[in-house]
């Protein structure tokens, strides 16, 4: 075990006290450990990530899953291709609903994933 010396602001101390009392019988060390483990689990999270998109010509009206914009039969939307991977946006399971995104949302998603 190692002792660390750091300073927390009042609102953080109050939050730590509240969480420790509510979930960990007042054990602040355990509260911080659990919070760090939770953060680590969500940073670089392994799961299903979008690795590309397949164009789909609509055979009936549909809405973009991301922005909700309505599109009519004959328009082209994009179906994501999922693979196992690591990313802060990774999903723990594949979505069950039919997922189609418009070109603008695909561009935004691709540009935010690129270095």
Protein backbone atom coordinates (compact mmCIF):
# COMPACT_ATOMS: atom_id res chain seq x y z
CA UNK A 1 0.00 0.00 0.00
CA UNK A 2 1.19 3.50 -0.80
CA UNK A 3 0.02 6.80 0.65
CA UNK A 4 -0.71 9.55 -1.86
CA UNK A 5 -1.03 13.21 -1.00
CA UNK A 6 -3.33 15.28 -3.19
CA UNK A 7 -5.79 18.11 -2.74
CA UNK A 8 -9.46 17.98 -3.73
CA UNK A 9 -11.83 20.91 -4.04
CA UNK A 10 -14.83 21.08 -1.70
CA UNK A 11 -17.40 19.84 -4.21
CA UNK A 12 -15.24 16.81 -5.02
CA UNK A 13 -14.79 16.05 -1.31
CA UNK A 14 -18.56 16.26 -0.83
CA UNK A 15 -19.14 13.94 -3.79
CA UNK A 16 -16.56 11.47 -2.46
CA UNK A 17 -18.21 11.51 0.98
CA UNK A 18 -21.67 10.98 -0.52
CA UNK A 19 -20.59 8.10 -2.76
CA UNK A 20 -18.50 6.46 -0.04
CA UNK A 21 -21.40 6.59 2.44
CA UNK A 22 -24.02 5.45 -0.07
CA UNK A 23 -22.14 2.59 -1.74
CA UNK A 24 -19.03 1.61 0.24
CA UNK A 25 -19.86 2.00 3.95
CA UNK A 26 -17.84 5.22 4.13
CA UNK A 27 -14.67 3.66 2.67
CA UNK A 28 -13.21 6.50 0.59
CA UNK A 29 -10.24 4.48 -0.64
CA UNK A 30 -12.55 1.82 -2.07
CA UNK A 31 -14.77 4.53 -3.59
CA UNK A 32 -11.82 6.05 -5.44
CA UNK A 33 -10.59 2.61 -6.54
CA UNK A 34 -14.03 1.69 -7.93
CA UNK A 35 -14.29 5.06 -9.71
CA UNK A 36 -10.86 4.59 -11.30
CA UNK A 37 -11.70 1.05 -12.38
CA UNK A 38 -14.94 2.27 -13.93
CA UNK A 39 -13.09 5.02 -15.78
CA UNK A 40 -10.46 2.55 -17.00
CA UNK A 41 -13.18 0.20 -18.25
CA UNK A 42 -14.70 2.97 -20.37
CA UNK A 43 -11.46 4.44 -21.71
CA UNK A 44 -10.35 2.51 -24.75
CA UNK A 45 -13.32 0.21 -24.16
CA UNK A 46 -13.27 -3.08 -26.06
CA UNK A 47 -16.46 -3.94 -27.88
CA UNK A 48 -18.15 -3.37 -31.23
CA UNK A 49 -16.87 -0.44 -33.26
CA UNK A 50 -17.87 0.96 -36.65
CA UNK A 51 -15.12 0.21 -39.16
CA UNK A 52 -16.89 1.41 -42.30
CA UNK A 53 -20.22 1.92 -44.03
CA UNK A 54 -22.14 0.19 -46.81
CA UNK A 55 -24.41 2.30 -49.04
CA UNK A 56 -28.06 1.26 -49.09
CA UNK A 57 -30.67 2.51 -51.53
CA UNK A 58 -33.92 2.87 -49.62
CA UNK A 59 -36.80 0.67 -50.76
CA UNK A 60 -39.08 2.54 -48.37
CA UNK A 61 -38.95 5.77 -46.37
CA UNK A 62 -36.54 5.78 -43.41
CA UNK A 63 -34.99 8.13 -40.88
CA UNK A 64 -31.31 8.65 -40.16
CA UNK A 65 -30.57 6.92 -36.84
CA UNK A 66 -28.17 9.65 -35.71
CA UNK A 67 -29.85 12.94 -36.65
CA UNK A 68 -33.41 11.72 -37.30
CA UNK A 69 -33.70 13.36 -40.74
CA UNK A 70 -36.41 11.75 -42.87
CA UNK A 71 -35.38 10.22 -46.21
CA UNK A 72 -37.59 8.89 -48.97
CA UNK A 73 -37.57 5.75 -51.08
CA UNK A 74 -34.68 5.89 -53.57
CA UNK A 75 -32.39 7.97 -51.33
CA UNK A 76 -29.05 6.45 -50.36
CA UNK A 77 -28.23 6.01 -46.68
CA UNK A 78 -25.37 4.09 -45.10
CA UNK A 79 -25.38 0.95 -42.96
CA UNK A 80 -22.44 0.72 -40.53
CA UNK A 81 -20.09 -2.26 -40.62
CA UNK A 82 -19.27 -3.42 -37.08
CA UNK A 83 -16.18 -5.30 -35.96
CA UNK A 84 -14.65 -6.13 -32.61
CA UNK A 85 -12.28 -3.39 -31.53
CA UNK A 86 -11.19 -0.88 -28.95
CA UNK A 87 -12.54 2.65 -28.75
CA UNK A 88 -14.09 5.00 -26.18
CA UNK A 89 -17.25 4.82 -28.35
CA UNK A 90 -17.28 1.01 -28.49
CA UNK A 91 -20.62 -0.66 -27.83
CA UNK A 92 -20.84 -3.68 -25.55
CA UNK A 93 -23.31 -5.39 -27.90
CA UNK A 94 -24.46 -5.00 -31.47
CA UNK A 95 -27.54 -2.82 -31.91
CA UNK A 96 -30.71 -4.81 -32.50
CA UNK A 97 -32.49 -2.13 -34.55
CA UNK A 98 -31.87 -1.51 -38.26
CA UNK A 99 -29.23 1.23 -38.35
CA UNK A 100 -28.98 3.64 -41.27
CA UNK A 101 -27.12 6.98 -41.23
CA UNK A 102 -27.25 9.83 -43.75
CA UNK A 103 -24.13 10.99 -45.57
CA UNK A 104 -23.66 14.05 -43.33
CA UNK A 105 -23.70 11.95 -40.16
CA UNK A 106 -21.31 9.42 -41.69
CA UNK A 107 -18.88 12.25 -42.59
CA UNK A 108 -19.04 13.62 -39.02
CA UNK A 109 -18.48 10.15 -37.54
CA UNK A 110 -15.56 9.36 -39.86
CA UNK A 111 -13.90 12.74 -39.28
CA UNK A 112 -14.13 12.41 -35.46
CA UNK A 113 -12.59 8.91 -35.58
CA UNK A 114 -9.66 9.98 -37.76
CA UNK A 115 -6.39 11.22 -36.19
